[in-house]
N, C-alpha and C. Protein backbone atom coordinates (compact mmCIF):
# COMPACT_ATOMS: atom_id res chain seq x y z
N UNK A 1 7.28 72.21 42.18
CA UNK A 1 6.76 72.32 40.86
C UNK A 1 8.21 72.14 40.42
N UNK A 2 9.39 72.04 40.98
CA UNK A 2 10.73 72.25 40.36
C UNK A 2 11.13 70.89 39.73
N UNK A 3 10.21 69.79 39.70
CA UNK A 3 10.86 68.43 38.60
C UNK A 3 9.62 68.13 38.28
N UNK A 4 9.79 68.20 36.70
CA UNK A 4 8.33 67.76 36.19
C UNK A 4 8.98 66.48 35.86
N UNK A 5 8.03 66.08 34.40
CA UNK A 5 8.68 64.43 33.73
C UNK A 5 8.97 65.57 32.32
N UNK A 6 8.54 66.57 31.88
CA UNK A 6 9.34 67.01 31.03
C UNK A 6 10.76 67.29 30.75
N UNK A 7 11.30 67.63 32.20
CA UNK A 7 12.96 67.98 31.65
C UNK A 7 13.65 66.38 31.46
N UNK A 8 13.40 65.88 31.45
CA UNK A 8 14.20 65.09 31.08
C UNK A 8 13.99 64.61 29.62
N UNK A 9 12.80 64.75 29.22
CA UNK A 9 12.36 64.21 27.80
C UNK A 9 13.52 64.92 26.32
N UNK A 10 13.83 66.04 26.71
CA UNK A 10 14.62 66.55 25.57
C UNK A 10 16.07 65.84 25.63
N UNK A 11 16.55 65.00 26.47
CA UNK A 11 17.41 64.08 26.35
C UNK A 11 17.57 62.79 26.31
N UNK A 12 16.02 62.42 25.71
CA UNK A 12 15.77 61.31 25.37
C UNK A 12 16.17 60.62 24.25
N UNK A 13 16.17 61.36 22.98
CA UNK A 13 16.69 60.85 21.93
C UNK A 13 18.39 60.83 21.83
N UNK A 14 18.62 61.90 22.46
CA UNK A 14 20.39 61.83 22.42
C UNK A 14 20.58 60.32 23.51
N UNK A 15 19.97 59.74 24.43
CA UNK A 15 19.93 59.23 25.54
C UNK A 15 20.26 57.43 24.35
N UNK A 16 19.01 57.54 23.94
CA UNK A 16 18.78 56.62 22.95
C UNK A 16 20.00 56.45 21.73
N UNK A 17 20.53 57.51 21.39
CA UNK A 17 21.84 57.82 20.51
C UNK A 17 23.39 57.00 20.90
N UNK A 18 23.09 57.07 22.21
CA UNK A 18 24.27 56.67 22.83
C UNK A 18 24.15 55.15 23.38
N UNK A 19 23.27 54.69 23.92
CA UNK A 19 22.57 53.18 23.58
C UNK A 19 22.42 52.39 22.59
N UNK A 20 22.87 52.40 21.73
CA UNK A 20 22.82 51.36 20.73
C UNK A 20 22.00 49.90 20.13
N UNK A 21 20.76 49.98 20.24
CA UNK A 21 19.85 48.13 20.73
C UNK A 21 20.47 47.53 19.92
N UNK A 22 20.56 46.42 20.41
CA UNK A 22 21.15 45.26 19.53
C UNK A 22 20.56 45.01 18.30
N UNK A 23 20.74 44.15 17.56
CA UNK A 23 20.26 43.95 16.02
C UNK A 23 18.92 43.02 16.49
N UNK A 24 19.13 42.10 17.75
CA UNK A 24 18.15 41.61 17.93
C UNK A 24 16.66 42.40 18.67
N UNK A 25 16.76 43.60 19.33
CA UNK A 25 16.36 44.39 20.18
C UNK A 25 15.27 45.91 18.64
N UNK A 26 16.60 45.96 17.96
CA UNK A 26 16.03 46.86 16.59
C UNK A 26 14.61 46.32 16.21
N UNK A 27 15.36 44.42 15.54
CA UNK A 27 14.27 44.00 14.64
C UNK A 27 13.28 44.12 15.46
N UNK A 28 13.10 43.65 16.74
CA UNK A 28 11.28 43.56 17.02
C UNK A 28 10.90 44.65 16.94
N UNK A 29 11.28 45.63 17.40
CA UNK A 29 10.79 47.16 17.83
C UNK A 29 10.30 47.42 16.53
N UNK A 30 11.11 47.33 15.16
CA UNK A 30 10.60 47.48 13.81
C UNK A 30 10.14 46.89 13.66
N UNK A 31 9.31 45.44 13.74
CA UNK A 31 8.52 44.53 13.70
C UNK A 31 7.30 45.06 14.19
N UNK A 32 7.44 46.00 15.76
CA UNK A 32 6.09 46.46 16.03
C UNK A 32 5.42 47.49 15.48
N UNK A 33 6.93 48.37 15.27
CA UNK A 33 6.46 49.61 14.08
C UNK A 33 5.23 49.41 12.96
N UNK A 34 6.19 48.58 12.42
CA UNK A 34 5.11 48.00 11.20
C UNK A 34 4.09 47.40 11.32
N UNK A 35 3.67 46.56 12.50
CA UNK A 35 2.61 46.37 13.14
C UNK A 35 1.47 47.38 13.21
N UNK A 36 2.22 48.62 14.03
CA UNK A 36 0.81 49.72 13.93
C UNK A 36 0.63 50.07 13.14
N UNK A 37 1.95 50.59 12.37
CA UNK A 37 1.14 51.18 11.22
C UNK A 37 0.12 50.13 10.37
N UNK A 38 0.64 49.34 9.84
CA UNK A 38 -0.18 48.43 9.33
C UNK A 38 -1.79 48.23 9.89
N UNK A 39 -2.08 48.58 11.41
CA UNK A 39 -3.14 48.41 11.55
C UNK A 39 -4.16 50.27 11.03
N UNK A 40 -2.87 50.87 10.89
CA UNK A 40 -3.56 52.43 10.68
C UNK A 40 -4.55 52.92 11.67
N UNK A 41 -4.12 52.73 13.00
CA UNK A 41 -5.22 53.49 14.07
C UNK A 41 -4.68 54.68 14.38
N UNK A 42 -2.85 54.87 14.03
CA UNK A 42 -2.02 55.94 14.52
C UNK A 42 -2.54 57.24 13.55
N UNK A 43 -2.68 58.13 14.79
CA UNK A 43 -3.10 59.32 14.24
C UNK A 43 -1.65 59.93 13.28
N UNK A 44 -2.01 60.92 12.44
CA UNK A 44 -1.17 61.05 12.01
C UNK A 44 0.60 61.66 12.21
N UNK A 45 0.07 62.79 13.31
CA UNK A 45 1.87 62.47 13.57
C UNK A 45 2.55 61.29 14.54
N UNK A 46 1.69 60.81 14.95
CA UNK A 46 2.07 59.55 15.30
C UNK A 46 2.54 58.42 14.15
N UNK A 47 1.97 58.51 13.27
CA UNK A 47 2.32 57.53 12.41
C UNK A 47 3.70 58.27 11.93
N UNK A 48 3.52 59.64 11.66
CA UNK A 48 5.46 60.14 10.78
C UNK A 48 6.03 59.68 11.65
N UNK A 49 6.06 59.84 13.25
CA UNK A 49 7.08 59.93 14.04
C UNK A 49 7.48 58.44 14.39
N UNK A 50 6.37 57.22 14.18
CA UNK A 50 6.83 55.75 13.87
C UNK A 50 7.26 55.61 12.49
N UNK A 51 7.08 56.54 11.66
CA UNK A 51 7.79 55.87 10.57
C UNK A 51 9.36 56.50 10.04
N UNK A 52 9.45 57.97 10.64
CA UNK A 52 10.82 58.14 11.01
C UNK A 52 11.77 57.03 11.88
N UNK A 53 11.13 56.80 12.97
CA UNK A 53 11.79 55.62 13.75
C UNK A 53 12.33 54.20 12.72
N UNK A 54 11.19 53.66 12.20
CA UNK A 54 11.41 52.66 11.39
C UNK A 54 12.43 52.35 10.50
N UNK A 55 13.02 54.06 9.95
CA UNK A 55 13.95 54.17 9.14
C UNK A 55 15.24 54.45 9.81
N UNK A 56 14.66 54.54 10.94
CA UNK A 56 16.26 54.71 11.35
C UNK A 56 16.52 53.19 12.31
N UNK A 57 15.70 52.39 12.71
CA UNK A 57 16.26 51.37 13.32
C UNK A 57 16.60 50.32 11.85
N UNK A 58 15.90 50.50 10.62
CA UNK A 58 15.86 49.89 9.32
C UNK A 58 17.21 49.61 8.96
N UNK A 59 17.84 50.74 9.11
CA UNK A 59 18.96 51.26 8.68
C UNK A 59 19.93 51.19 10.01
N UNK A 60 19.76 51.24 10.82
CA UNK A 60 21.02 50.29 12.20
C UNK A 60 21.02 48.99 11.42
N UNK A 61 19.45 48.12 11.84
CA UNK A 61 19.78 46.71 11.38
C UNK A 61 20.39 46.52 9.65
N UNK A 62 20.40 47.04 8.71
CA UNK A 62 21.20 46.77 7.82
C UNK A 62 22.68 47.05 8.00
N UNK A 63 23.57 47.96 8.34
CA UNK A 63 24.67 48.61 9.09
C UNK A 63 25.11 46.92 10.23
N UNK A 64 23.99 46.63 10.29
CA UNK A 64 24.66 45.46 11.78
C UNK A 64 24.84 44.35 10.77
N UNK A 65 23.55 44.08 10.08
CA UNK A 65 23.71 42.79 8.95
C UNK A 65 25.01 43.11 8.14
N UNK A 66 25.54 44.33 7.52
CA UNK A 66 26.79 44.17 6.50
C UNK A 66 27.97 44.37 7.55
N UNK A 67 27.78 44.50 8.37
CA UNK A 67 28.74 44.58 9.50
C UNK A 67 29.60 42.97 9.54
N UNK A 68 28.45 42.50 9.95
CA UNK A 68 27.86 41.22 10.29
C UNK A 68 28.66 40.29 8.71
N UNK A 69 28.14 40.51 7.92
CA UNK A 69 29.24 39.93 6.73
C UNK A 69 30.17 39.74 6.71
N UNK A 70 30.68 41.57 6.91
CA UNK A 70 32.35 41.37 6.40
C UNK A 70 32.66 41.05 7.57
N UNK A 71 32.56 40.59 9.05
CA UNK A 71 33.51 39.73 9.71
C UNK A 71 33.71 39.12 9.34
N UNK A 72 32.29 38.13 8.55
CA UNK A 72 32.26 36.63 8.50
C UNK A 72 33.19 36.07 7.35
N UNK A 73 33.65 37.01 5.96
CA UNK A 73 34.05 36.85 5.15
C UNK A 73 35.48 37.02 5.88
N UNK A 74 35.68 38.25 6.57
CA UNK A 74 37.06 37.86 6.80
C UNK A 74 37.45 36.90 7.58
N UNK A 75 36.80 36.38 8.73
CA UNK A 75 37.07 35.32 9.23
C UNK A 75 37.38 34.07 7.74
N UNK A 76 36.42 33.81 7.12
CA UNK A 76 36.46 32.46 6.57
C UNK A 76 37.69 32.58 5.62
N UNK A 77 38.27 34.48 5.56
CA UNK A 77 39.52 34.13 4.28
C UNK A 77 40.53 33.92 5.50
N UNK A 78 40.66 34.38 6.25
CA UNK A 78 42.03 33.37 7.65
C UNK A 78 41.54 32.09 7.59
N UNK A 79 40.14 31.74 7.65
CA UNK A 79 40.90 30.34 7.77
C UNK A 79 41.08 29.12 6.45
N UNK A 80 40.82 29.54 5.82
CA UNK A 80 41.11 29.38 4.17
C UNK A 80 42.78 29.63 4.02
N UNK A 81 43.30 31.16 4.29
CA UNK A 81 44.57 31.30 4.36
C UNK A 81 45.88 30.12 5.14
N UNK A 82 44.83 29.86 6.29
CA UNK A 82 45.46 28.78 6.99
C UNK A 82 45.52 27.59 7.38
N UNK A 83 44.61 26.99 5.95
CA UNK A 83 45.19 25.63 5.61
C UNK A 83 45.83 25.32 5.18
N UNK A 84 46.84 23.79 5.34
CA UNK A 84 48.08 23.76 4.68
C UNK A 84 47.45 23.39 3.09
N UNK A 85 48.79 23.72 2.30
CA UNK A 85 48.35 23.53 0.91
C UNK A 85 48.77 22.12 0.68
N UNK A 86 48.70 21.08 0.26
CA UNK A 86 49.08 19.81 -0.20
C UNK A 86 49.87 19.67 -2.20
C-alpha cells in the first residue's frame, strides 16, 4: 500500500509549470478544451477546471505571440539598419 497513484498527483501541476508547452501544443490543448466546453457535457467542477486551464493556455499563447512579434520586429530593424544607403 506504500505506493499509490495519488502520491504523484500533487506534483503534477508544478511539473506542468516547469515544462511549458510549445505554442502549437498549447493551442491544440486550448482548442480541445473549447470543444469540450462547447459540447456542454462536462460536469460543473470539470467545466470550471477546464475554463481555468483554458485561461492559462490563452495567456501562454498570447505571451508567445507577443514575444515572437517583438523578435520579428527586432530582426526587421536589424536588416533595415544593415542595408546600405545610396
